[in-house]
Protein backbone atom coordinates (compact mmCIF):
# COMPACT_ATOMS: atom_id res chain seq x y z
CA MET A 1 -32.50 -2.23 19.09
CA PRO A 2 -33.17 -5.03 16.17
CA ARG A 3 -30.54 -6.33 14.13
CA VAL A 4 -30.76 -6.97 10.47
CA ILE A 5 -31.88 -10.47 9.10
CA ALA A 6 -29.92 -11.27 6.05
CA GLY A 7 -30.87 -14.05 3.48
CA ASN A 8 -29.78 -17.77 3.76
CA GLU A 9 -30.54 -19.47 0.54
CA LEU A 10 -27.57 -21.30 -1.03
CA ASN A 11 -26.92 -22.14 -4.86
CA CYS A 12 -24.71 -24.83 -4.06
CA PRO A 13 -25.82 -28.43 -2.77
CA ALA A 14 -25.63 -28.93 1.12
CA THR A 15 -23.76 -32.29 0.04
CA ASP A 16 -21.01 -30.51 -1.57
CA LEU A 17 -18.39 -30.34 1.19
CA THR A 18 -16.33 -28.03 -0.99
CA HIS A 19 -19.19 -25.44 -1.54
CA CYS A 20 -18.76 -25.60 -5.42
CA SER A 21 -15.13 -24.22 -5.50
CA ILE A 22 -13.21 -24.48 -8.33
CA LEU A 23 -10.05 -26.88 -8.61
CA SER A 24 -6.72 -25.10 -7.37
CA PRO A 25 -3.32 -25.96 -7.61
CA ILE A 26 -2.64 -23.17 -4.54
CA GLN A 27 -5.32 -25.35 -2.79
CA ASP A 28 -3.68 -28.57 -3.71
CA LEU A 29 -0.22 -27.22 -2.46
CA ALA A 30 -1.69 -26.01 0.87
CA GLU A 31 -3.79 -29.42 1.10
CA GLN A 32 -0.36 -31.15 0.73
CA TYR A 33 1.27 -29.02 3.36
CA PHE A 34 -1.32 -29.55 6.01
CA ASN A 35 -1.64 -33.07 5.53
CA ASP A 36 2.12 -33.72 5.97
CA SER A 37 2.35 -33.60 9.81
CA GLU A 38 6.31 -33.51 9.22
CA ASN A 39 6.23 -30.44 7.14
CA ALA A 40 3.83 -28.42 9.36
CA ASP A 41 6.82 -27.00 11.50
CA ALA A 42 9.30 -26.79 8.50
CA GLU A 43 9.02 -25.35 5.11
CA GLN A 44 6.45 -22.82 4.29
CA TYR A 45 5.74 -21.23 0.95
CA ALA A 46 5.74 -17.82 -0.29
CA ASP A 47 5.56 -16.08 -3.83
CA ILE A 48 6.13 -12.08 -4.57
CA ILE A 49 3.41 -10.69 -6.82
CA ASN A 50 4.53 -7.39 -8.20
CA ILE A 51 2.16 -6.92 -11.12
CA GLY A 52 -1.22 -5.42 -10.33
CA GLU A 53 -3.18 -7.57 -13.06
CA LYS A 54 -1.60 -10.69 -11.71
CA ALA A 55 -2.33 -9.75 -7.99
CA LEU A 56 -6.20 -9.35 -9.03
CA GLU A 57 -6.15 -12.96 -10.90
CA ALA A 58 -4.76 -14.36 -7.80
CA ARG A 59 -7.39 -12.96 -5.49
CA ILE A 60 -10.35 -13.92 -8.04
CA HIS A 61 -8.77 -17.39 -8.29
CA LEU A 62 -8.71 -17.71 -4.65
CA ILE A 63 -12.11 -16.43 -4.05
CA ARG A 64 -13.26 -19.20 -6.36
CA ALA A 65 -11.43 -21.79 -4.81
CA ALA A 66 -12.34 -21.03 -1.12
CA LYS A 67 -13.78 -23.93 0.46
CA THR A 68 -14.74 -22.74 3.99
CA SER A 69 -13.88 -19.03 4.60
CA ILE A 70 -12.46 -15.79 3.21
CA ASP A 71 -11.55 -13.24 5.92
CA ILE A 72 -10.44 -9.87 4.45
CA GLN A 73 -8.92 -6.58 6.01
CA THR A 74 -8.50 -3.57 3.81
CA TYR A 75 -7.91 0.18 4.18
CA ILE A 76 -9.57 1.33 0.98
CA TRP A 77 -12.42 -0.31 -0.89
CA SER A 78 -13.22 1.91 -3.77
CA SER A 79 -16.87 2.00 -5.29
CA ASP A 80 -15.19 1.69 -9.07
CA LYS A 81 -15.10 -1.55 -11.40
CA THR A 82 -12.61 -3.38 -9.35
CA GLY A 83 -14.14 -2.79 -6.13
CA GLY A 84 -17.48 -4.01 -7.66
CA LEU A 85 -15.78 -7.05 -9.10
CA ILE A 86 -14.36 -8.29 -5.82
CA ALA A 87 -17.52 -7.60 -4.21
CA ARG A 88 -19.45 -9.45 -6.83
CA GLU A 89 -17.21 -12.70 -6.44
CA LEU A 90 -17.51 -12.31 -2.70
CA ILE A 91 -21.11 -12.34 -2.53
CA ALA A 92 -21.11 -15.31 -4.76
CA ALA A 93 -19.02 -17.13 -2.56
CA ALA A 94 -21.16 -16.32 0.42
CA LYS A 95 -24.20 -17.55 -1.77
CA ARG A 96 -22.35 -20.94 -2.25
CA GLY A 97 -21.89 -21.64 1.23
CA VAL A 98 -18.31 -19.84 2.12
CA ARG A 99 -18.16 -17.57 5.15
CA VAL A 100 -17.16 -14.27 3.98
CA ARG A 101 -15.96 -11.74 6.69
CA ILE A 102 -14.80 -8.02 5.60
CA ILE A 103 -13.30 -5.55 8.02
CA GLY A 104 -12.63 -2.01 6.24
CA ASP A 105 -11.46 1.01 7.63
CA GLN A 106 -14.10 3.38 7.98
CA LEU A 107 -12.60 6.56 6.16
CA PHE A 108 -12.13 5.02 2.75
CA SER A 109 -14.39 1.80 2.90
CA GLY A 110 -17.67 2.99 4.02
CA ASN A 111 -18.30 5.74 1.77
CA ASP A 112 -21.72 4.82 0.55
CA ALA A 113 -24.41 3.75 3.62
CA LYS A 114 -27.24 2.93 1.24
CA ARG A 115 -25.28 0.61 -0.60
CA LEU A 116 -23.66 -1.10 2.79
CA ALA A 117 -27.34 -1.39 4.03
CA ALA A 118 -28.30 -3.39 0.91
CA THR A 119 -25.23 -5.36 1.05
CA ALA A 120 -26.04 -6.23 4.77
CA GLN A 121 -29.04 -8.01 3.64
CA VAL A 122 -27.48 -10.17 0.94
CA HIS A 123 -26.84 -13.19 2.89
CA GLU A 124 -25.94 -14.38 6.44
CA ASN A 125 -22.58 -15.82 5.12
CA LEU A 126 -21.57 -12.24 4.17
CA GLN A 127 -20.43 -9.99 7.33
CA ILE A 128 -19.02 -6.66 6.91
CA ARG A 129 -17.60 -4.57 9.81
CA LEU A 130 -16.00 -1.13 9.73
CA TYR A 131 -12.80 -0.18 11.83
CA ASN A 132 -13.08 3.11 14.16
CA PRO A 133 -16.30 4.55 12.50
CA LEU A 134 -16.32 8.37 13.09
CA ASP A 135 -19.24 9.45 15.22
CA GLN A 136 -20.38 5.68 14.91
CA LYS A 137 -21.36 6.25 11.16
CA ALA A 138 -20.37 4.47 7.84
CA ALA A 139 -19.92 7.47 5.52
CA SER A 140 -18.03 10.64 6.76
CA SER A 141 -18.17 13.72 4.34
CA GLY A 142 -15.77 16.65 4.42
CA THR A 143 -17.75 18.33 6.88
CA ASP A 144 -17.86 15.36 9.11
CA MET A 145 -13.95 15.42 8.98
CA MET A 146 -13.49 19.08 9.36
CA LYS A 147 -15.81 19.12 12.56
CA ALA A 148 -13.80 15.79 13.87
CA PHE A 149 -10.69 17.43 13.10
CA PHE A 150 -11.37 19.73 15.94
CA THR A 151 -13.71 17.81 18.29
CA ASN A 152 -12.31 14.14 17.85
CA PHE A 153 -8.76 14.46 16.24
CA LYS A 154 -7.49 11.32 17.87
CA GLY A 155 -10.61 9.13 16.52
CA LEU A 156 -10.37 10.68 13.03
CA ASN A 157 -6.64 10.06 12.69
CA HIS A 158 -6.47 6.62 14.26
CA ARG A 159 -6.79 4.51 11.09
CA MET A 160 -6.41 0.61 10.05
CA HIS A 161 -3.94 0.37 7.32
CA ASN A 162 -3.79 -3.40 7.28
CA LYS A 163 -4.27 -5.24 3.79
CA VAL A 164 -4.81 -8.94 4.57
CA MET A 165 -6.70 -11.66 2.72
CA VAL A 166 -6.86 -15.03 4.31
CA PHE A 167 -8.57 -18.33 2.27
CA ASP A 168 -9.61 -21.23 4.42
CA GLY A 169 -7.41 -20.11 7.34
CA ARG A 170 -4.44 -21.30 5.18
CA ILE A 171 -3.46 -19.38 2.19
CA ALA A 172 -2.99 -15.83 2.43
CA ILE A 173 -2.27 -12.65 0.53
CA THR A 174 -0.80 -9.33 2.15
CA GLY A 175 1.18 -6.16 1.25
CA GLY A 176 0.64 -2.88 0.06
CA ARG A 177 -2.51 -3.09 -2.09
CA ASN A 178 -6.12 -2.06 -1.21
CA ILE A 179 -8.93 -2.54 -3.11
CA GLY A 180 -9.51 -0.28 -6.23
CA ASP A 181 -8.67 0.28 -9.74
CA GLU A 182 -5.24 1.87 -9.54
CA TYR A 183 -4.08 -1.01 -7.63
CA TYR A 184 -4.76 -3.76 -10.14
CA ASP A 185 -3.53 -2.01 -13.34
CA ARG A 186 -7.02 -0.90 -14.30
CA SER A 187 -7.02 2.97 -14.34
CA THR A 188 -6.27 4.63 -17.33
CA GLU A 189 -4.81 7.83 -15.63
CA PHE A 190 -3.09 6.62 -12.54
CA ASN A 191 -1.64 3.28 -11.32
CA PHE A 192 0.30 2.11 -8.39
CA VAL A 193 3.41 -0.05 -8.64
CA ASP A 194 2.83 -2.01 -5.62
CA ARG A 195 3.83 -5.53 -4.26
CA ASP A 196 2.03 -8.48 -2.45
CA ILE A 197 3.21 -11.77 -0.94
CA LEU A 198 1.16 -14.76 -1.41
CA VAL A 199 1.80 -17.23 1.57
CA ILE A 200 0.89 -21.01 2.40
CA GLY A 201 1.18 -22.25 5.84
CA LEU A 202 1.26 -21.66 9.44
CA VAL A 203 2.08 -18.23 8.59
CA ALA A 204 -1.45 -18.12 7.35
CA GLU A 205 -2.87 -19.45 10.38
CA ASP A 206 -1.29 -16.51 12.21
CA MET A 207 -3.02 -13.89 9.66
CA GLU A 208 -6.46 -15.63 10.58
CA LYS A 209 -5.72 -15.02 14.26
CA SER A 210 -4.87 -11.77 13.76
CA PHE A 211 -7.93 -10.94 12.04
CA GLU A 212 -10.15 -12.69 14.57
CA ARG A 213 -8.52 -10.30 17.20
CA TYR A 214 -9.67 -7.41 15.13
CA TRP A 215 -13.21 -8.89 14.26
CA VAL A 216 -13.81 -9.35 18.11
CA ASP A 217 -12.56 -6.05 19.27
CA PRO A 218 -14.82 -3.33 20.26
CA ILE A 219 -13.28 -0.85 17.89
CA THR A 220 -15.30 -2.67 14.92
CA PHE A 221 -18.88 -2.26 14.16
CA ASP A 222 -21.33 -4.20 12.54
CA LEU A 223 -22.90 -2.44 9.52
CA ASP A 224 -26.31 -2.66 11.22
CA GLN A 225 -24.91 -0.92 14.30
CA LEU A 226 -23.92 2.41 12.44
CA ILE A 227 -26.40 5.33 12.40
CA ASP A 228 -26.47 6.09 9.00
CA VAL A 229 -26.77 2.59 7.66
CA ARG A 230 -29.78 1.79 10.02
CA GLU A 231 -31.58 4.87 8.61
CA HIS A 232 -31.87 2.85 5.26
CA LEU A 233 -32.39 -0.52 6.89
CA PHE A 234 -35.05 0.24 9.52
CA ILE A 235 -38.03 2.29 9.51
CA ASP A 236 -39.80 2.30 13.04
CA ASP A 237 -37.76 -0.87 13.97
CA LYS A 238 -39.11 -2.66 11.13
CA GLN A 239 -36.58 -3.91 8.50
CA GLN A 240 -36.85 -2.39 4.95
CA ILE A 241 -36.34 -4.67 1.91
CA LEU A 242 -33.64 -3.20 -0.13
CA PRO A 243 -32.86 -3.85 -3.67
CA VAL A 244 -29.88 -6.09 -4.18
CA PRO A 245 -26.68 -3.96 -4.78
CA GLU A 246 -25.60 -4.39 -8.40
CA PHE A 247 -21.93 -5.68 -8.79
CA SER A 248 -22.53 -7.32 -12.11
CA ASN A 249 -20.69 -5.33 -14.54
CA VAL A 250 -17.43 -7.28 -15.71
CA SER A 251 -16.87 -5.47 -18.90
CA GLY A 252 -13.06 -5.63 -19.49
CA PHE A 253 -12.49 -8.37 -16.85
CA GLU A 254 -13.59 -11.38 -19.25
CA GLU A 255 -10.15 -12.37 -20.01
CA LEU A 256 -8.70 -11.95 -16.56
CA ILE A 257 -11.32 -14.08 -15.05
CA SER A 258 -10.93 -16.57 -17.70
CA ARG A 259 -7.12 -16.84 -16.89
CA ALA A 260 -7.87 -16.69 -13.06
CA LEU A 261 -10.31 -19.87 -13.51
CA ASP A 262 -7.53 -21.55 -15.68
CA TYR A 263 -5.65 -24.54 -13.32
CA ASP A 264 -2.61 -24.91 -15.61
CA TYR A 265 -1.93 -20.95 -16.03
CA ILE A 266 -2.44 -20.06 -12.08
CA ASN A 267 0.00 -23.32 -11.45
CA ASP A 268 2.47 -21.86 -13.91
CA GLU A 269 2.12 -18.06 -12.55
CA PHE A 270 1.79 -18.80 -8.84
CA VAL A 271 2.73 -22.42 -7.78
CA LYS A 272 5.59 -23.48 -10.28
CA ASN A 273 8.44 -21.09 -8.90
CA ILE A 274 7.17 -20.45 -5.68
CA HIS A 275 9.78 -20.39 -2.72
CA SER A 276 10.09 -22.99 0.12
CA LEU A 277 10.89 -21.25 3.25
CA THR A 278 11.99 -22.32 6.77
CA ASP A 279 12.06 -18.69 8.50
CA ILE A 280 8.78 -16.63 7.76
CA GLU A 281 7.03 -14.43 10.37
CA PHE A 282 4.07 -12.59 10.42
CA ILE A 283 3.54 -9.65 12.90
CA ALA A 284 0.33 -7.49 13.29
CA ASP A 285 -0.19 -4.35 15.47
CA ARG A 286 -2.86 -4.45 17.93
CA PRO A 287 -6.47 -3.15 17.06
CA GLN A 288 -6.28 -0.62 19.64
CA LYS A 289 -2.86 0.68 18.67
CA PRO A 290 -2.14 3.21 20.08
CA PHE A 291 -4.85 3.76 22.39
CA ILE A 292 -4.05 1.05 24.90
CA GLU A 293 -0.91 0.27 26.52
CA ASP A 294 -0.36 -3.25 27.50
CA ASP A 295 1.83 -6.17 27.78
CA GLU A 296 2.19 -6.36 24.21
CA ALA A 297 2.70 -2.69 23.50
CA ASP A 298 6.27 -3.69 22.09
CA ILE A 299 5.16 -6.51 20.01
CA ASN A 300 4.60 -4.49 16.84
CA THR A 301 5.76 -4.04 13.32
CA SER A 302 7.74 -1.04 13.88
CA ARG A 303 9.74 -2.63 16.61
CA SER A 304 10.15 -5.39 14.57
CA ILE A 305 11.43 -3.47 11.37
CA GLY A 306 13.53 -1.47 13.82
CA LEU A 307 15.44 -4.42 15.39
CA ALA A 308 16.19 -5.76 11.69
CA ILE A 309 17.38 -2.43 10.71
CA ARG A 310 19.34 -2.20 13.99
CA ASN A 311 21.09 -5.66 13.56
CA ALA A 312 22.31 -4.59 9.70
CA ASP A 313 25.71 -5.40 8.98
CA HIS A 314 26.38 -4.00 5.39
CA SER A 315 23.34 -3.15 3.52
CA ILE A 316 19.66 -1.69 3.83
CA LEU A 317 17.53 -1.50 0.55
CA MET A 318 14.28 0.15 1.25
CA GLN A 319 11.18 0.80 -1.30
CA THR A 320 8.28 2.89 0.21
CA PRO A 321 5.87 5.62 -1.44
CA TYR A 322 6.88 8.58 1.14
CA PHE A 323 10.43 8.87 2.71
CA ILE A 324 9.17 10.49 5.99
CA ILE A 325 11.31 9.00 8.76
CA SER A 326 10.59 9.81 12.44
CA ASN A 327 13.25 11.46 14.59
CA PRO A 328 13.90 7.86 16.39
CA ALA A 329 14.38 6.39 13.13
CA TYR A 330 16.49 9.10 11.89
CA GLN A 331 18.74 8.97 14.95
CA LEU A 332 18.81 4.86 14.48
CA PHE A 333 20.14 5.09 11.01
CA ARG A 334 22.61 7.99 12.19
CA GLU A 335 23.99 5.53 14.92
CA ILE A 336 24.42 2.70 12.41
CA ARG A 337 26.11 5.02 10.41
CA GLU A 338 28.45 6.14 12.86
CA GLU A 339 29.32 2.58 14.19
CA ASN A 340 29.31 1.28 10.42
CA PRO A 341 30.57 3.94 8.11
CA ASP A 342 30.66 1.26 4.94
CA ILE A 343 27.05 0.29 5.39
CA GLU A 344 25.05 0.99 2.20
CA TYR A 345 21.66 2.76 2.53
CA SER A 346 19.57 2.42 -0.72
CA LEU A 347 16.12 4.02 -1.17
CA SER A 348 13.39 3.81 -4.30
CA THR A 349 10.63 6.39 -3.50
CA ASN A 350 8.32 8.60 -5.43
CA SER A 351 9.41 11.86 -7.15
CA LEU A 352 6.83 14.90 -7.01
CA ALA A 353 6.02 14.06 -10.61
CA SER A 354 4.99 10.34 -9.75
CA ALA A 355 3.43 10.90 -6.09
CA ASP A 356 0.02 10.63 -5.20
CA HIS A 357 -0.06 13.06 -2.58
CA TYR A 358 2.02 16.32 -3.40
CA PHE A 359 1.76 17.44 0.40
CA VAL A 360 3.46 14.28 1.66
CA TYR A 361 6.12 14.57 -0.79
CA ALA A 362 6.86 18.26 0.08
CA LEU A 363 7.86 17.03 3.92
CA SER A 364 10.27 14.42 2.60
CA PHE A 365 11.56 17.17 0.46
CA LYS A 366 12.48 19.22 3.43
CA ARG A 367 14.61 16.27 4.80
CA LYS A 368 16.54 15.53 1.65
CA LYS A 369 19.95 17.34 2.74
CA ARG A 370 19.62 15.24 6.12
CA ASN A 371 19.03 12.23 4.42
CA VAL A 372 21.56 12.51 1.52
CA LYS A 373 24.27 14.24 3.54
CA ASN A 374 23.99 13.04 7.03
CA LEU A 375 22.67 9.57 6.65
CA GLU A 376 24.37 9.29 2.90
CA PHE A 377 21.22 7.41 1.75
CA ARG A 378 21.41 6.68 -2.42
CA MET A 379 18.08 8.02 -3.10
CA HIS A 380 16.25 7.32 -6.43
CA GLU A 381 12.95 9.21 -7.02
CA PHE A 382 10.61 7.15 -9.46
CA LYS A 383 9.45 8.64 -13.10
CA PRO A 384 5.85 9.19 -13.73
CA ARG A 385 6.48 7.06 -16.93
CA PRO A 386 9.53 4.89 -16.54
CA ALA A 387 11.19 3.59 -19.48
CA ASP A 388 10.49 0.26 -18.16
CA ILE A 389 7.17 0.79 -18.04
CA GLU A 390 5.76 -2.66 -19.34
CA GLN A 391 7.81 -4.58 -16.72
CA PHE A 392 5.86 -2.66 -14.19
CA ILE A 393 2.65 -2.44 -15.87
CA PRO A 394 2.28 -4.81 -18.75
CA ARG A 395 -0.82 -3.61 -19.96
CA TYR A 396 0.21 -0.24 -20.17
CA ALA A 397 -0.17 0.49 -23.71
CA GLU A 398 -3.79 -0.67 -23.73
CA LEU A 399 -4.56 1.90 -20.79
CA GLU A 400 -2.53 4.75 -22.71
CA LYS A 401 -5.15 4.32 -25.43
CA LEU A 402 -8.03 5.28 -23.23
CA GLN A 403 -6.22 8.05 -21.26
CA SER A 404 -8.15 11.21 -20.91
CA PRO A 405 -6.52 14.37 -22.86
CA PRO A 406 -4.43 17.07 -21.23
CA ASP A 407 -5.99 20.20 -20.00
CA ALA A 408 -5.71 23.64 -22.22
CA ASP A 409 -1.99 24.16 -20.80
CA GLY A 410 -1.00 20.41 -21.83
CA PHE A 411 -0.81 19.22 -17.98
CA TYR A 412 -2.42 15.76 -17.14
CA GLU A 413 -3.54 15.71 -13.76
CA TYR A 414 -5.21 13.22 -11.70
CA GLU A 415 -7.41 14.22 -8.68
CA PRO A 416 -10.41 12.06 -8.54
CA GLU A 417 -13.17 12.73 -5.68
CA GLU A 418 -14.81 10.08 -3.70
CA PRO A 419 -18.89 10.09 -3.46
CA THR A 420 -18.58 11.68 0.01
CA GLY A 421 -16.35 14.69 -1.18
CA ILE A 422 -13.19 13.32 0.20
CA ASP A 423 -10.41 13.58 -2.07
CA ARG A 424 -7.90 10.57 -1.81
CA TYR A 425 -5.34 11.91 -4.06
CA ASP A 426 -3.76 15.27 -4.75
CA THR A 427 -1.17 14.90 -7.49
CA ALA A 428 1.06 17.77 -9.12
CA PRO A 429 0.13 18.04 -12.97
CA ILE A 430 2.85 16.60 -15.24
CA LYS A 431 3.38 16.76 -19.18
CA THR A 432 4.36 13.24 -19.33
CA LYS A 433 1.69 11.33 -21.67
CA GLY A 434 0.30 7.93 -20.47
CA PRO A 435 -1.05 7.06 -17.04
CA ARG A 436 0.94 8.04 -14.36
CA ALA A 437 2.82 5.26 -12.45
CA SER A 438 3.47 5.76 -8.63
CA ILE A 439 5.14 3.50 -6.03
CA HIS A 440 3.18 2.03 -3.40
CA SER A 441 4.96 -1.01 -2.40
CA LYS A 442 6.52 -1.13 1.13
CA SER A 443 9.47 -3.35 1.23
CA MET A 444 12.82 -3.79 2.42
CA VAL A 445 15.96 -6.22 2.07
CA ILE A 446 18.67 -6.14 4.61
CA ASP A 447 22.24 -7.69 4.19
CA ASN A 448 20.81 -9.36 1.12
CA GLU A 449 19.17 -12.10 3.29
CA ILE A 450 16.10 -10.48 5.37
CA ALA A 451 13.30 -9.53 3.26
CA ILE A 452 10.04 -7.42 4.55
CA ILE A 453 7.10 -7.08 2.90
CA GLY A 454 3.81 -5.23 4.32
CA SER A 455 1.75 -2.36 5.16
CA HIS A 456 4.05 -0.14 6.81
CA ASN A 457 5.53 2.89 4.76
CA PHE A 458 8.36 3.08 7.34
CA ASP A 459 6.77 6.51 8.46
CA PRO A 460 5.62 8.31 11.50
CA ARG A 461 2.03 6.88 11.03
CA GLY A 462 2.84 3.68 10.75
CA ILE A 463 5.01 3.82 13.98
CA ALA A 464 2.49 5.86 16.20
CA ILE A 465 -0.57 6.06 14.60
CA ASN A 466 -1.77 3.56 11.94
CA THR A 467 -2.29 -0.16 12.58
CA GLU A 468 0.21 -2.30 10.45
CA VAL A 469 1.03 -5.60 9.00
CA THR A 470 4.24 -7.23 7.96
CA VAL A 471 5.84 -10.39 6.67
CA THR A 472 9.62 -11.05 7.23
CA ILE A 473 11.41 -13.69 5.63
CA THR A 474 15.14 -14.58 6.21
CA ASP A 475 16.18 -16.50 2.84
CA LYS A 476 18.91 -15.52 0.42
CA GLU A 477 17.08 -16.63 -2.77
CA PHE A 478 13.81 -14.99 -1.91
CA ALA A 479 15.46 -11.63 -0.69
CA ALA A 480 17.60 -11.65 -3.90
CA GLU A 481 14.39 -11.79 -5.69
CA LEU A 482 12.94 -9.06 -3.98
CA ALA A 483 15.94 -6.86 -3.83
CA ASP A 484 16.28 -7.10 -7.86
CA ASP A 485 12.41 -6.30 -7.98
CA ILE A 486 13.24 -3.03 -6.18
CA ARG A 487 16.64 -2.22 -7.96
CA LEU A 488 14.83 -2.31 -11.38
CA ALA A 489 12.64 0.73 -10.38
CA MET A 490 16.07 2.44 -9.30
CA GLN A 491 17.54 2.06 -12.56
CA PRO A 492 18.57 5.64 -14.35
CA GLN A 493 15.86 4.90 -17.20
CA ASN A 494 13.20 4.35 -14.25
CA SER A 495 13.98 7.12 -11.58
CA TRP A 496 15.81 10.18 -11.09
CA THR A 497 18.95 10.21 -8.74
CA ILE A 498 19.10 12.38 -5.88
CA ALA A 499 22.61 14.02 -5.21
CA LYS A 500 24.26 17.15 -3.90
CA ARG A 501 24.02 20.23 -6.12
CA GLN A 502 27.31 21.68 -7.81
CA ARG A 503 28.05 25.17 -6.44
CA VAL A 504 30.37 27.81 -6.74
CA PRO A 505 32.84 27.43 -3.78
CA LEU A 506 32.59 30.57 -1.70
CA LEU A 507 29.04 31.17 -2.38
CA GLY A 508 28.08 27.38 -1.98
CA HIS A 509 29.66 27.29 1.20
CA ILE A 510 27.75 30.47 2.56
CA THR A 511 24.56 29.09 1.21
CA GLY A 512 25.09 25.76 2.83
CA ILE A 513 25.53 27.24 6.10
CA VAL A 514 22.39 29.25 6.02
CA GLN A 515 20.30 26.43 4.46
CA SER A 516 21.39 24.16 7.27
CA ILE A 517 19.89 26.83 9.63
CA SER A 518 16.80 27.30 7.61
CA ARG A 519 16.11 23.68 7.50
CA MET A 520 16.30 22.98 11.29
CA LEU A 521 13.33 25.40 11.45
CA PRO A 522 9.92 23.41 11.74
CA ILE A 523 8.27 26.78 10.18
CA PHE A 524 9.74 29.39 8.23
CA ASP A 525 12.07 27.36 6.49
CA ILE A 526 12.22 29.35 3.38
CA TRP A 527 15.80 29.64 1.96
CA PRO A 528 15.11 28.89 -1.81
CA PHE A 529 18.46 27.17 -2.37
CA ARG A 530 18.67 23.51 -1.84
CA TYR A 531 21.57 20.95 -0.85
CA THR A 532 20.02 18.27 -3.55
CA SER A 533 18.48 18.35 -6.87
CA SER A 534 17.56 15.51 -9.24
CA PHE A 535 19.67 13.97 -11.59
CA GLU A 536 19.11 12.39 -15.28
CA LEU A 537 21.82 9.96 -16.86
CA ARG A 538 23.47 11.37 -20.08
CA GLU A 539 22.86 9.88 -23.08
CA GLY A 540 25.40 7.12 -23.69
CA MET A 541 27.01 7.35 -20.41
CA ALA A 542 27.22 4.39 -17.90
CA ALA A 543 25.56 4.72 -14.39
CA VAL A 544 27.99 5.54 -11.61
CA PRO A 545 27.13 6.23 -8.00
CA ILE A 546 26.72 9.78 -6.46
CA ASP A 547 30.25 9.52 -4.68
CA ASP A 548 32.00 8.67 -8.02
CA PRO A 549 34.28 11.17 -8.99
CA GLU A 550 33.02 11.15 -12.56
CA PHE A 551 29.36 11.43 -11.43
CA TYR A 552 28.75 15.25 -12.60
CA ASN A 553 30.16 14.10 -16.02
CA HIS A 554 27.80 11.36 -16.62
CA TYR A 555 24.29 13.01 -15.08
CA GLU A 556 22.78 16.25 -15.91
CA ASN A 557 21.17 18.38 -13.10
CA VAL A 558 17.37 18.41 -14.19
CA GLY A 559 16.23 20.27 -11.18
CA GLN A 560 14.40 19.63 -8.06
CA PHE A 561 10.76 18.63 -9.65
CA PRO A 562 11.57 17.07 -12.98
CA GLY A 563 8.66 15.84 -15.05
CA THR A 564 6.27 18.49 -13.38
CA GLY A 565 6.67 21.71 -15.32
CA ALA A 566 5.98 25.40 -13.68
CA ASN A 567 2.92 24.92 -11.67
CA ASN A 568 1.26 25.97 -8.30
CA LYS A 569 1.92 22.42 -6.98
CA GLN A 570 5.71 23.18 -7.20
CA ILE A 571 4.97 26.28 -5.30
CA SER A 572 2.69 24.85 -2.86
CA THR A 573 5.37 21.93 -2.39
CA ARG A 574 7.79 24.69 -1.21
CA LEU A 575 5.33 26.31 0.83
CA ILE A 576 4.66 23.06 2.88
CA SER A 577 7.96 22.32 3.09
CA GLY A 578 8.81 25.57 4.64
CA PHE A 579 5.69 25.78 6.84
CA GLY A 580 4.15 22.54 7.22
CA ALA A 581 7.04 20.36 9.19
CA VAL A 582 4.81 20.67 12.18
CA ALA A 583 2.54 18.09 10.57
CA GLU A 584 5.24 15.68 9.66
CA PRO A 585 4.36 12.98 12.48
CA LEU A 586 1.23 12.88 11.09
CA MET A 587 2.13 12.12 7.70
């Protein structure tokens, strides 16, 4: 079987050992670190990146500043303007002599076989592999997925959720962001509030080793090994010359690129206040999780997170898009609560109005009583347009001007369809004007000292099905910064507080008994009265915790699905909550 032959011409002189890279304060810090033999085993560097636009600036800067190699893993690579911009930058890097390798999860990174075929020919320095391709194809249609659901569910369901970028083997970015407009504050309809960590030091080398392990594993396939890509590349085993893919439209990115190339700006934003750390660890799941059980089966992200939680002394602060915890995780939290009644569990997550998947929210909705009453979690559900929106998305006002008008009933809905026909998002309609904001960050702070940032949603999929990555840092100053970022989202102007509903004493007691029985059922959980509701801080009142005797005087009950209005997604959410719990381990 013939293999693809790609271009090899360079537009940077071979005598330039930096491969025409730009000057970079981040690279300068890395150079200083690795040239200091005494420092190599001590302090490393890390910076939290909360703002999507800043995250894109950092990526463009580091691509332009790379001297030898760029390695990328991603779950999603969208075929939108941001996806095109990053692709264009990587092609340019390959053509100036930088080795660029990309591993994308096939389900949401391989949706255009023809474009991938053309990209495979661009340059020999640019190599792309897809993880666990369904039926050994790059693109899967809705029909393909439905067939696989019945004939190859294990293969369909097992995905690479890692998000890692490594530059020259010593600088890296990881966290929650995929590649697409909504992760970098570029969508006029829907944007994720997400979080990355930029690291410099030996931890970046660990990320490089993890990438290499995925790269050589047989679960990843070169593009020219995929059936539908080969159909465009070869006819009768003769390679076809395909047009160079167009990734040149940078309209709207000019100012961002200008900032990304500004040495002083990058120094001020990403280097000046970077944290120096002595205790930082990167952990990645094995490529074949969960297919192969070996000596490393217990050395994974979920076990690392579980140990950190198990050793908590006084507080666990979490932020995750979906609060669906497995039964073992529930038992762990329950045991800790019983052993340490005063430990504080706090959570920042999405409401139905802000969630990107209403059906995943429905399963967390089913478990609210258990989480609030039994575990005593202080839950805060993000509003689709929080009052402090410009702290989360500084360019929000600019995006709002370009938002599409509401439908005839005054609702704003966001359900874009990929070229393959696979819907990536399924949101509830809302009446809130302005692009919807949705939490996508996956972070945790334990005892105000241990900080965890990564791709793991702390859910059953992350534990048993998807491969994940995490960075764990033990440092009070770093943890305090992360905690402040999470707590901003939990403030009453930005999130609804979840608390027990007030009830008439006798009727409430009877309702509570029936409800508890109903909630234990995996299906037919149809009792309409819920233990919890969403509460809004009353104007002029001070925020108080849900166990404060004055809570109900300070807060107003705004219902279970505030911000969504009466619509079919509310009904669907209740039905999934009542009948869909059997799917909980897959979410």
